[in-house]
């Protein structure tokens, strides 16, 4: 048998109990969302208090407004992520079962949808409180990578969004369908831990780069630059990881085993790659615009 790593997950639920006729459970995925939001809030709060980061030593918003935006951010992530998933990744199923769209506990969230939800919430919040949008976007860019990091770890622990079959020494044998889904399988199917690749690139590396540019290079003095770096960095990271990530089941057919949805020349692109290309272009535009300001 090839050198592989057994799946080290600890289960989806931290604890569960019955309350009258209802089952109540706290799952690692929910805890990752909660922890990501709390840590992101602390990062933003610290940046707001560090007046030297901002033009004329004036942060774009107060600590009170930072706390007030928490609720807006949570709603944007949940509703945007869920609606994005139903529209982009599984519209056919949810168009036939519309009542299941609101069943967030059943799984299914899209980063691109959650990102759009936070953007919409942020635009409305900024207009309401007269906050400069580009500087506000820079604050969100500092906070987002940690949430991505924890979310991808939760994906790994839940054995979802796994990678393509692989012979690398760090390949993981995920449980369930993932272990039995190799067409040329001799042993149990080992796969790229693509969730960990994403956690590393979208979370730790991108997050460290953004904070370094903010605190050491003064990128916050040119509003929109950090936001552009986050958008572009996420798009590049996601595009690369998609080469190792198994396509979502709804995009896989007998004649389309890799789940490619569009072809440019001889290169097939997954839905994740297709959605990431505009993010790279938009991020580059924000960085270029900020440098010229």
C-alpha atoms as a PDB file:
ATOM      1  CA  UNK A   1       0.000   0.000   0.000  1.00  0.00           C
ATOM      2  CA  UNK A   2       1.188   3.532  -0.807  1.00  0.00           C
ATOM      3  CA  UNK A   3       2.457   5.852   1.925  1.00  0.00           C
ATOM      4  CA  UNK A   4      -0.614   7.858   2.891  1.00  0.00           C
ATOM      5  CA  UNK A   5      -2.085   9.528   5.966  1.00  0.00           C
ATOM      6  CA  UNK A   6      -5.224   8.144   7.663  1.00  0.00           C
ATOM      7  CA  UNK A   7      -7.957  10.722   8.103  1.00  0.00           C
ATOM      8  CA  UNK A   8      -7.357  12.475  11.452  1.00  0.00           C
ATOM      9  CA  UNK A   9     -10.759  14.170  11.768  1.00  0.00           C
ATOM     10  CA  UNK A  10     -12.454  14.355  15.167  1.00  0.00           C
ATOM     11  CA  UNK A  11     -16.060  14.297  13.953  1.00  0.00           C
ATOM     12  CA  UNK A  12     -18.473  17.027  12.892  1.00  0.00           C
ATOM     13  CA  UNK A  13     -20.040  17.671  16.293  1.00  0.00           C
ATOM     14  CA  UNK A  14     -18.379  19.073  19.407  1.00  0.00           C
ATOM     15  CA  UNK A  15     -21.402  18.117  21.509  1.00  0.00           C
ATOM     16  CA  UNK A  16     -25.108  17.413  21.051  1.00  0.00           C
ATOM     17  CA  UNK A  17     -28.140  16.861  23.245  1.00  0.00           C
ATOM     18  CA  UNK A  18     -31.906  16.572  22.964  1.00  0.00           C
ATOM     19  CA  UNK A  19     -34.031  19.497  24.128  1.00  0.00           C
ATOM     20  CA  UNK A  20     -37.626  18.254  24.334  1.00  0.00           C
ATOM     21  CA  UNK A  21     -38.284  17.050  20.775  1.00  0.00           C
ATOM     22  CA  UNK A  22     -35.412  18.970  19.186  1.00  0.00           C
ATOM     23  CA  UNK A  23     -31.812  17.925  18.720  1.00  0.00           C
ATOM     24  CA  UNK A  24     -29.305  20.643  19.583  1.00  0.00           C
ATOM     25  CA  UNK A  25     -25.686  20.383  18.428  1.00  0.00           C
ATOM     26  CA  UNK A  26     -22.594  22.567  18.149  1.00  0.00           C
ATOM     27  CA  UNK A  27     -20.569  21.665  15.092  1.00  0.00           C
ATOM     28  CA  UNK A  28     -16.935  22.480  14.352  1.00  0.00           C
ATOM     29  CA  UNK A  29     -17.989  24.307  11.195  1.00  0.00           C
ATOM     30  CA  UNK A  30     -20.232  26.659  13.197  1.00  0.00           C
ATOM     31  CA  UNK A  31     -17.467  27.175  15.756  1.00  0.00           C
ATOM     32  CA  UNK A  32     -15.049  28.064  12.943  1.00  0.00           C
ATOM     33  CA  UNK A  33     -17.465  30.738  11.693  1.00  0.00           C
ATOM     34  CA  UNK A  34     -17.927  32.145  15.201  1.00  0.00           C
ATOM     35  CA  UNK A  35     -14.195  32.135  15.981  1.00  0.00           C
ATOM     36  CA  UNK A  36     -13.351  33.677  12.601  1.00  0.00           C
ATOM     37  CA  UNK A  37     -15.780  36.540  13.152  1.00  0.00           C
ATOM     38  CA  UNK A  38     -14.573  37.161  16.723  1.00  0.00           C
ATOM     39  CA  UNK A  39     -10.875  37.116  15.751  1.00  0.00           C
ATOM     40  CA  UNK A  40     -11.570  39.283  12.711  1.00  0.00           C
ATOM     41  CA  UNK A  41     -13.359  41.770  14.939  1.00  0.00           C
ATOM     42  CA  UNK A  42     -10.338  41.947  17.237  1.00  0.00           C
ATOM     43  CA  UNK A  43      -7.996  42.508  14.281  1.00  0.00           C
ATOM     44  CA  UNK A  44     -10.167  45.357  12.988  1.00  0.00           C
ATOM     45  CA  UNK A  45     -10.501  46.858  16.461  1.00  0.00           C
ATOM     46  CA  UNK A  46      -6.737  46.892  16.918  1.00  0.00           C
ATOM     47  CA  UNK A  47      -6.241  48.515  13.507  1.00  0.00           C
ATOM     48  CA  UNK A  48      -8.830  51.193  14.290  1.00  0.00           C
ATOM     49  CA  UNK A  49      -7.026  52.017  17.552  1.00  0.00           C
ATOM     50  CA  UNK A  50      -3.633  52.216  15.781  1.00  0.00           C
ATOM     51  CA  UNK A  51      -4.101  55.785  14.570  1.00  0.00           C
ATOM     52  CA  UNK A  52      -0.641  55.890  12.944  1.00  0.00           C
ATOM     53  CA  UNK A  53      -1.932  53.599  10.202  1.00  0.00           C
ATOM     54  CA  UNK A  54      -4.350  56.194   8.849  1.00  0.00           C
ATOM     55  CA  UNK A  55      -4.178  59.509   7.079  1.00  0.00           C
ATOM     56  CA  UNK A  56      -3.979  62.429   9.507  1.00  0.00           C
ATOM     57  CA  UNK A  57      -4.016  59.833  12.308  1.00  0.00           C
ATOM     58  CA  UNK A  58      -7.773  59.509  11.771  1.00  0.00           C
ATOM     59  CA  UNK A  59      -9.193  55.951  11.522  1.00  0.00           C
ATOM     60  CA  UNK A  60     -12.064  55.476   9.054  1.00  0.00           C
ATOM     61  CA  UNK A  61     -14.516  54.586  11.838  1.00  0.00           C
ATOM     62  CA  UNK A  62     -14.844  54.489  15.613  1.00  0.00           C
ATOM     63  CA  UNK A  63     -14.656  51.463  17.907  1.00  0.00           C
ATOM     64  CA  UNK A  64     -18.417  51.787  18.473  1.00  0.00           C
ATOM     65  CA  UNK A  65     -19.121  51.518  14.751  1.00  0.00           C
ATOM     66  CA  UNK A  66     -16.721  48.577  14.532  1.00  0.00           C
ATOM     67  CA  UNK A  67     -18.832  46.721  17.066  1.00  0.00           C
ATOM     68  CA  UNK A  68     -22.055  47.761  15.338  1.00  0.00           C
ATOM     69  CA  UNK A  69     -20.905  46.287  12.018  1.00  0.00           C
ATOM     70  CA  UNK A  70     -20.517  42.820  13.553  1.00  0.00           C
ATOM     71  CA  UNK A  71     -24.211  42.037  13.107  1.00  0.00           C
ATOM     72  CA  UNK A  72     -24.159  43.295   9.531  1.00  0.00           C
ATOM     73  CA  UNK A  73     -21.136  41.143   8.735  1.00  0.00           C
ATOM     74  CA  UNK A  74     -22.690  37.999  10.211  1.00  0.00           C
ATOM     75  CA  UNK A  75     -25.887  38.455   8.199  1.00  0.00           C
ATOM     76  CA  UNK A  76     -23.920  39.181   5.020  1.00  0.00           C
ATOM     77  CA  UNK A  77     -21.789  36.060   5.425  1.00  0.00           C
ATOM     78  CA  UNK A  78     -24.696  33.720   6.187  1.00  0.00           C
ATOM     79  CA  UNK A  79     -27.250  34.949   3.664  1.00  0.00           C
ATOM     80  CA  UNK A  80     -24.732  35.794   0.962  1.00  0.00           C
ATOM     81  CA  UNK A  81     -22.889  32.498   1.354  1.00  0.00           C
ATOM     82  CA  UNK A  82     -26.065  30.461   1.271  1.00  0.00           C
ATOM     83  CA  UNK A  83     -27.710  32.299  -1.618  1.00  0.00           C
ATOM     84  CA  UNK A  84     -24.446  32.212  -3.563  1.00  0.00           C
ATOM     85  CA  UNK A  85     -24.197  28.454  -3.087  1.00  0.00           C
ATOM     86  CA  UNK A  86     -27.763  27.829  -4.246  1.00  0.00           C
ATOM     87  CA  UNK A  87     -27.429  30.066  -7.326  1.00  0.00           C
ATOM     88  CA  UNK A  88     -23.895  29.191  -8.416  1.00  0.00           C
ATOM     89  CA  UNK A  89     -23.306  25.598  -7.390  1.00  0.00           C
ATOM     90  CA  UNK A  90     -26.664  23.817  -7.108  1.00  0.00           C
ATOM     91  CA  UNK A  91     -29.403  25.950  -8.639  1.00  0.00           C
ATOM     92  CA  UNK A  92     -31.188  23.015 -10.280  1.00  0.00           C
ATOM     93  CA  UNK A  93     -31.732  21.188  -6.993  1.00  0.00           C
ATOM     94  CA  UNK A  94     -32.815  24.217  -4.958  1.00  0.00           C
ATOM     95  CA  UNK A  95     -35.132  25.467  -7.695  1.00  0.00           C
ATOM     96  CA  UNK A  96     -37.039  22.215  -7.158  1.00  0.00           C
ATOM     97  CA  UNK A  97     -36.703  22.377  -3.358  1.00  0.00           C
ATOM     98  CA  UNK A  98     -36.882  26.109  -2.488  1.00  0.00           C
ATOM     99  CA  UNK A  99     -37.720  25.539   1.185  1.00  0.00           C
ATOM    100  CA  UNK A 100     -34.291  23.949   1.704  1.00  0.00           C
ATOM    101  CA  UNK A 101     -32.504  27.178   0.748  1.00  0.00           C
ATOM    102  CA  UNK A 102     -32.879  28.447   4.316  1.00  0.00           C
ATOM    103  CA  UNK A 103     -31.655  25.189   5.881  1.00  0.00           C
ATOM    104  CA  UNK A 104     -28.113  26.422   6.462  1.00  0.00           C
ATOM    105  CA  UNK A 105     -27.459  23.620   8.960  1.00  0.00           C
ATOM    106  CA  UNK A 106     -27.724  21.126   6.092  1.00  0.00           C
ATOM    107  CA  UNK A 107     -24.443  22.399   4.619  1.00  0.00           C
ATOM    108  CA  UNK A 108     -23.586  24.333   1.495  1.00  0.00           C
ATOM    109  CA  UNK A 109     -21.931  27.779   1.638  1.00  0.00           C
ATOM    110  CA  UNK A 110     -20.116  29.713  -1.089  1.00  0.00           C
ATOM    111  CA  UNK A 111     -17.183  31.997  -0.321  1.00  0.00           C
ATOM    112  CA  UNK A 112     -17.919  34.113  -3.384  1.00  0.00           C
ATOM    113  CA  UNK A 113     -21.525  34.524  -2.196  1.00  0.00           C
ATOM    114  CA  UNK A 114     -20.451  35.319   1.368  1.00  0.00           C
ATOM    115  CA  UNK A 115     -17.938  37.819   0.033  1.00  0.00           C
ATOM    116  CA  UNK A 116     -20.651  39.504  -2.040  1.00  0.00           C
ATOM    117  CA  UNK A 117     -22.950  39.553   0.992  1.00  0.00           C
ATOM    118  CA  UNK A 118     -20.343  41.316   3.148  1.00  0.00           C
ATOM    119  CA  UNK A 119     -19.608  43.786   0.335  1.00  0.00           C
ATOM    120  CA  UNK A 120     -23.304  44.696   0.031  1.00  0.00           C
ATOM    121  CA  UNK A 121     -23.657  44.989   3.817  1.00  0.00           C
ATOM    122  CA  UNK A 122     -20.488  47.096   3.964  1.00  0.00           C
ATOM    123  CA  UNK A 123     -21.628  49.503   1.235  1.00  0.00           C
ATOM    124  CA  UNK A 124     -24.966  50.089   2.963  1.00  0.00           C
ATOM    125  CA  UNK A 125     -23.273  50.479   6.363  1.00  0.00           C
ATOM    126  CA  UNK A 126     -20.706  52.938   5.011  1.00  0.00           C
ATOM    127  CA  UNK A 127     -23.348  55.070   3.307  1.00  0.00           C
ATOM    128  CA  UNK A 128     -25.464  55.103   6.447  1.00  0.00           C
ATOM    129  CA  UNK A 129     -22.610  56.203   8.713  1.00  0.00           C
ATOM    130  CA  UNK A 130     -20.574  58.196   6.152  1.00  0.00           C
ATOM    131  CA  UNK A 131     -17.526  55.922   6.370  1.00  0.00           C
ATOM    132  CA  UNK A 132     -14.922  56.068   3.549  1.00  0.00           C
ATOM    133  CA  UNK A 133     -15.539  52.831   1.666  1.00  0.00           C
ATOM    134  CA  UNK A 134     -12.011  52.102   0.479  1.00  0.00           C
ATOM    135  CA  UNK A 135     -10.505  52.391   3.957  1.00  0.00           C
ATOM    136  CA  UNK A 136     -13.373  50.295   5.295  1.00  0.00           C
ATOM    137  CA  UNK A 137     -12.524  47.683   2.667  1.00  0.00           C
ATOM    138  CA  UNK A 138      -8.911  47.706   3.852  1.00  0.00           C
ATOM    139  CA  UNK A 139     -10.100  46.905   7.390  1.00  0.00           C
ATOM    140  CA  UNK A 140     -12.198  43.994   6.127  1.00  0.00           C
ATOM    141  CA  UNK A 141      -9.190  42.721   4.169  1.00  0.00           C
ATOM    142  CA  UNK A 142      -7.200  42.482   7.397  1.00  0.00           C
ATOM    143  CA  UNK A 143      -9.935  40.445   9.085  1.00  0.00           C
ATOM    144  CA  UNK A 144     -11.044  38.042   6.351  1.00  0.00           C
ATOM    145  CA  UNK A 145      -8.024  35.682   6.003  1.00  0.00           C
ATOM    146  CA  UNK A 146      -8.309  34.303   9.547  1.00  0.00           C
ATOM    147  CA  UNK A 147     -11.934  33.391   8.914  1.00  0.00           C
ATOM    148  CA  UNK A 148     -10.896  31.637   5.717  1.00  0.00           C
ATOM    149  CA  UNK A 149      -8.166  29.754   7.559  1.00  0.00           C
ATOM    150  CA  UNK A 150     -10.517  28.437  10.235  1.00  0.00           C
ATOM    151  CA  UNK A 151     -13.245  27.674   7.717  1.00  0.00           C
ATOM    152  CA  UNK A 152     -10.924  25.532   5.592  1.00  0.00           C
ATOM    153  CA  UNK A 153      -9.759  23.644   8.669  1.00  0.00           C
ATOM    154  CA  UNK A 154     -13.415  22.924   9.415  1.00  0.00           C
ATOM    155  CA  UNK A 155     -13.886  21.694   5.838  1.00  0.00           C
ATOM    156  CA  UNK A 156     -10.988  19.306   6.350  1.00  0.00           C
ATOM    157  CA  UNK A 157     -12.321  18.046   9.659  1.00  0.00           C
ATOM    158  CA  UNK A 158     -15.757  17.501   8.094  1.00  0.00           C
ATOM    159  CA  UNK A 159     -14.173  15.547   5.214  1.00  0.00           C
ATOM    160  CA  UNK A 160     -15.750  17.783   2.585  1.00  0.00           C
ATOM    161  CA  UNK A 161     -14.372  19.616  -0.453  1.00  0.00           C
ATOM    162  CA  UNK A 162     -11.564  17.077  -0.652  1.00  0.00           C
ATOM    163  CA  UNK A 163      -8.906  16.997  -3.328  1.00  0.00           C
ATOM    164  CA  UNK A 164      -8.277  14.836  -6.363  1.00  0.00           C
ATOM    165  CA  UNK A 165      -6.747  11.337  -6.097  1.00  0.00           C
ATOM    166  CA  UNK A 166      -3.004  11.544  -5.486  1.00  0.00           C
ATOM    167  CA  UNK A 167       0.129   9.511  -4.731  1.00  0.00           C
ATOM    168  CA  UNK A 168       1.925  12.252  -2.773  1.00  0.00           C
ATOM    169  CA  UNK A 169       3.176  11.106   0.667  1.00  0.00           C
ATOM    170  CA  UNK A 170       0.859  13.523   2.461  1.00  0.00           C
ATOM    171  CA  UNK A 171      -2.257  12.330   0.627  1.00  0.00           C
ATOM    172  CA  UNK A 172      -5.140  11.587   2.986  1.00  0.00           C
ATOM    173  CA  UNK A 173      -7.675   8.755   2.935  1.00  0.00           C
ATOM    174  CA  UNK A 174     -10.924  10.600   3.613  1.00  0.00           C
ATOM    175  CA  UNK A 175     -13.895   8.559   4.859  1.00  0.00           C
ATOM    176  CA  UNK A 176     -17.106   7.801   2.988  1.00  0.00           C
ATOM    177  CA  UNK A 177     -17.501   8.279  -0.748  1.00  0.00           C
ATOM    178  CA  UNK A 178     -14.094   9.946  -1.065  1.00  0.00           C
ATOM    179  CA  UNK A 179     -12.320   6.671  -0.201  1.00  0.00           C
ATOM    180  CA  UNK A 180     -14.224   4.685  -2.830  1.00  0.00           C
ATOM    181  CA  UNK A 181     -14.229   7.119  -5.734  1.00  0.00           C
ATOM    182  CA  UNK A 182     -11.059   6.285  -7.667  1.00  0.00           C
ATOM    183  CA  UNK A 183     -11.647   4.653 -11.035  1.00  0.00           C
ATOM    184  CA  UNK A 184      -8.231   2.925 -10.997  1.00  0.00           C
ATOM    185  CA  UNK A 185      -8.403   2.140  -7.274  1.00  0.00           C
ATOM    186  CA  UNK A 186      -6.233  -0.694  -5.952  1.00  0.00           C
ATOM    187  CA  UNK A 187      -6.218   0.346  -2.301  1.00  0.00           C
ATOM    188  CA  UNK A 188      -8.466   2.867  -0.616  1.00  0.00           C
ATOM    189  CA  UNK A 189      -8.416   6.165  -2.493  1.00  0.00           C
ATOM    190  CA  UNK A 190      -5.965   8.763  -1.111  1.00  0.00           C
ATOM    191  CA  UNK A 191      -6.469  12.403  -2.032  1.00  0.00           C
ATOM    192  CA  UNK A 192      -4.846  15.813  -1.887  1.00  0.00           C
ATOM    193  CA  UNK A 193      -5.837  17.590   1.372  1.00  0.00           C
ATOM    194  CA  UNK A 194      -6.850  20.579  -0.720  1.00  0.00           C
ATOM    195  CA  UNK A 195      -8.663  22.150   2.234  1.00  0.00           C
ATOM    196  CA  UNK A 196      -5.304  22.503   3.983  1.00  0.00           C
ATOM    197  CA  UNK A 197      -3.740  23.967   0.848  1.00  0.00           C
ATOM    198  CA  UNK A 198      -6.452  26.624   0.888  1.00  0.00           C
ATOM    199  CA  UNK A 199      -6.056  27.234   4.630  1.00  0.00           C
ATOM    200  CA  UNK A 200      -2.349  27.847   4.090  1.00  0.00           C
ATOM    201  CA  UNK A 201      -2.601  30.058   1.004  1.00  0.00           C
ATOM    202  CA  UNK A 202      -5.847  31.964   1.558  1.00  0.00           C
ATOM    203  CA  UNK A 203      -5.485  32.157   5.326  1.00  0.00           C
ATOM    204  CA  UNK A 204      -1.981  32.170   6.782  1.00  0.00           C
ATOM    205  CA  UNK A 205       0.133  33.403   3.864  1.00  0.00           C
ATOM    206  CA  UNK A 206      -2.317  35.982   2.517  1.00  0.00           C
ATOM    207  CA  UNK A 207      -3.249  37.148   6.022  1.00  0.00           C
ATOM    208  CA  UNK A 208       0.382  37.587   7.071  1.00  0.00           C
ATOM    209  CA  UNK A 209       1.149  39.483   3.843  1.00  0.00           C
ATOM    210  CA  UNK A 210      -1.787  41.869   4.328  1.00  0.00           C
ATOM    211  CA  UNK A 211      -0.910  42.637   7.959  1.00  0.00           C
ATOM    212  CA  UNK A 212       2.751  43.133   7.042  1.00  0.00           C
ATOM    213  CA  UNK A 213       1.846  45.611   4.302  1.00  0.00           C
ATOM    214  CA  UNK A 214      -0.500  47.422   6.685  1.00  0.00           C
ATOM    215  CA  UNK A 215       1.770  47.738   9.719  1.00  0.00           C
ATOM    216  CA  UNK A 216       5.238  47.776   8.123  1.00  0.00           C
ATOM    217  CA  UNK A 217       4.718  49.269   4.663  1.00  0.00           C
ATOM    218  CA  UNK A 218       1.939  51.767   5.334  1.00  0.00           C
ATOM    219  CA  UNK A 219      -0.450  50.494   2.680  1.00  0.00           C
ATOM    220  CA  UNK A 220      -3.441  51.825   4.628  1.00  0.00           C
ATOM    221  CA  UNK A 221      -2.302  55.349   3.735  1.00  0.00           C
ATOM    222  CA  UNK A 222      -3.453  54.660   0.177  1.00  0.00           C
ATOM    223  CA  UNK A 223      -7.063  53.485   0.615  1.00  0.00           C
ATOM    224  CA  UNK A 224      -8.129  50.443  -1.360  1.00  0.00           C
ATOM    225  CA  UNK A 225      -4.675  48.951  -1.703  1.00  0.00           C
ATOM    226  CA  UNK A 226      -5.055  46.291   0.982  1.00  0.00           C
ATOM    227  CA  UNK A 227      -8.534  45.448  -0.248  1.00  0.00           C
ATOM    228  CA  UNK A 228      -7.163  44.946  -3.735  1.00  0.00           C
ATOM    229  CA  UNK A 229      -4.382  42.739  -2.370  1.00  0.00           C
ATOM    230  CA  UNK A 230      -6.903  40.539  -0.577  1.00  0.00           C
ATOM    231  CA  UNK A 231      -9.210  40.201  -3.586  1.00  0.00           C
ATOM    232  CA  UNK A 232      -6.332  39.454  -5.962  1.00  0.00           C
ATOM    233  CA  UNK A 233      -4.559  37.162  -3.474  1.00  0.00           C
ATOM    234  CA  UNK A 234      -7.670  35.105  -2.839  1.00  0.00           C
ATOM    235  CA  UNK A 235      -8.369  34.788  -6.550  1.00  0.00           C
ATOM    236  CA  UNK A 236      -4.831  33.575  -7.277  1.00  0.00           C
ATOM    237  CA  UNK A 237      -4.830  31.166  -4.337  1.00  0.00           C
ATOM    238  CA  UNK A 238      -8.197  29.682  -5.242  1.00  0.00           C
ATOM    239  CA  UNK A 239      -7.254  29.368  -8.908  1.00  0.00           C
ATOM    240  CA  UNK A 240      -4.115  27.390  -7.990  1.00  0.00           C
ATOM    241  CA  UNK A 241      -5.827  25.140  -5.440  1.00  0.00           C
ATOM    242  CA  UNK A 242      -8.565  24.243  -7.932  1.00  0.00           C
ATOM    243  CA  UNK A 243      -5.977  22.184  -9.837  1.00  0.00           C
ATOM    244  CA  UNK A 244      -5.817  19.875  -6.797  1.00  0.00           C
ATOM    245  CA  UNK A 245      -9.447  20.074  -5.627  1.00  0.00           C
ATOM    246  CA  UNK A 246     -12.138  17.607  -6.631  1.00  0.00           C
ATOM    247  CA  UNK A 247     -14.920  19.332  -8.531  1.00  0.00           C
ATOM    248  CA  UNK A 248     -18.320  19.627  -6.877  1.00  0.00           C
ATOM    249  CA  UNK A 249     -20.472  16.576  -7.588  1.00  0.00           C
ATOM    250  CA  UNK A 250     -23.117  18.521  -9.505  1.00  0.00           C
ATOM    251  CA  UNK A 251     -20.527  19.508 -12.139  1.00  0.00           C
ATOM    252  CA  UNK A 252     -19.292  15.950 -12.729  1.00  0.00           C
ATOM    253  CA  UNK A 253     -20.786  13.791 -15.471  1.00  0.00           C
ATOM    254  CA  UNK A 254     -19.689  10.612 -17.225  1.00  0.00           C
ATOM    255  CA  UNK A 255     -18.288  12.649 -20.110  1.00  0.00           C
ATOM    256  CA  UNK A 256     -16.955  15.365 -17.832  1.00  0.00           C
ATOM    257  CA  UNK A 257     -15.190  13.573 -14.940  1.00  0.00           C
ATOM    258  CA  UNK A 258     -13.112  16.569 -13.810  1.00  0.00           C
ATOM    259  CA  UNK A 259     -16.070  18.885 -13.542  1.00  0.00           C
ATOM    260  CA  UNK A 260     -14.814  21.507 -15.994  1.00  0.00           C
ATOM    261  CA  UNK A 261     -17.501  23.990 -16.928  1.00  0.00           C
ATOM    262  CA  UNK A 262     -15.733  26.089 -19.566  1.00  0.00           C
ATOM    263  CA  UNK A 263     -12.775  25.619 -21.867  1.00  0.00           C
ATOM    264  CA  UNK A 264     -10.263  28.205 -23.063  1.00  0.00           C
ATOM    265  CA  UNK A 265      -8.297  26.588 -25.856  1.00  0.00           C
ATOM    266  CA  UNK A 266      -7.272  23.179 -24.568  1.00  0.00           C
ATOM    267  CA  UNK A 267      -7.451  24.155 -20.879  1.00  0.00           C
ATOM    268  CA  UNK A 268     -10.553  23.269 -18.907  1.00  0.00           C
ATOM    269  CA  UNK A 269     -11.537  25.532 -16.009  1.00  0.00           C
ATOM    270  CA  UNK A 270     -13.569  24.665 -12.937  1.00  0.00           C
ATOM    271  CA  UNK A 271     -16.339  26.867 -11.578  1.00  0.00           C
ATOM    272  CA  UNK A 272     -14.011  28.015  -8.778  1.00  0.00           C
ATOM    273  CA  UNK A 273     -11.369  29.088 -11.315  1.00  0.00           C
ATOM    274  CA  UNK A 274     -13.930  30.802 -13.490  1.00  0.00           C
ATOM    275  CA  UNK A 275     -15.175  32.851 -10.540  1.00  0.00           C
ATOM    276  CA  UNK A 276     -11.637  33.648  -9.380  1.00  0.00           C
ATOM    277  CA  UNK A 277     -10.420  35.273 -12.596  1.00  0.00           C
ATOM    278  CA  UNK A 278     -12.599  38.395 -12.198  1.00  0.00           C
ATOM    279  CA  UNK A 279     -11.391  38.670  -8.583  1.00  0.00           C
ATOM    280  CA  UNK A 280      -7.775  38.770  -9.748  1.00  0.00           C
ATOM    281  CA  UNK A 281      -8.570  41.472 -12.302  1.00  0.00           C
ATOM    282  CA  UNK A 282     -10.610  43.547  -9.827  1.00  0.00           C
ATOM    283  CA  UNK A 283      -7.914  43.255  -7.159  1.00  0.00           C
ATOM    284  CA  UNK A 284      -5.212  44.397  -9.563  1.00  0.00           C
ATOM    285  CA  UNK A 285      -7.380  47.362 -10.566  1.00  0.00           C
ATOM    286  CA  UNK A 286      -7.805  48.473  -6.940  1.00  0.00           C
ATOM    287  CA  UNK A 287      -4.051  48.192  -6.265  1.00  0.00           C
ATOM    288  CA  UNK A 288      -3.166  50.142  -9.408  1.00  0.00           C
ATOM    289  CA  UNK A 289      -5.765  52.800  -8.669  1.00  0.00           C
ATOM    290  CA  UNK A 290      -4.537  53.238  -5.091  1.00  0.00           C
ATOM    291  CA  UNK A 291      -0.905  53.575  -6.186  1.00  0.00           C
ATOM    292  CA  UNK A 292      -1.829  56.384  -8.560  1.00  0.00           C
ATOM    293  CA  UNK A 293      -3.810  58.241  -5.911  1.00  0.00           C
END
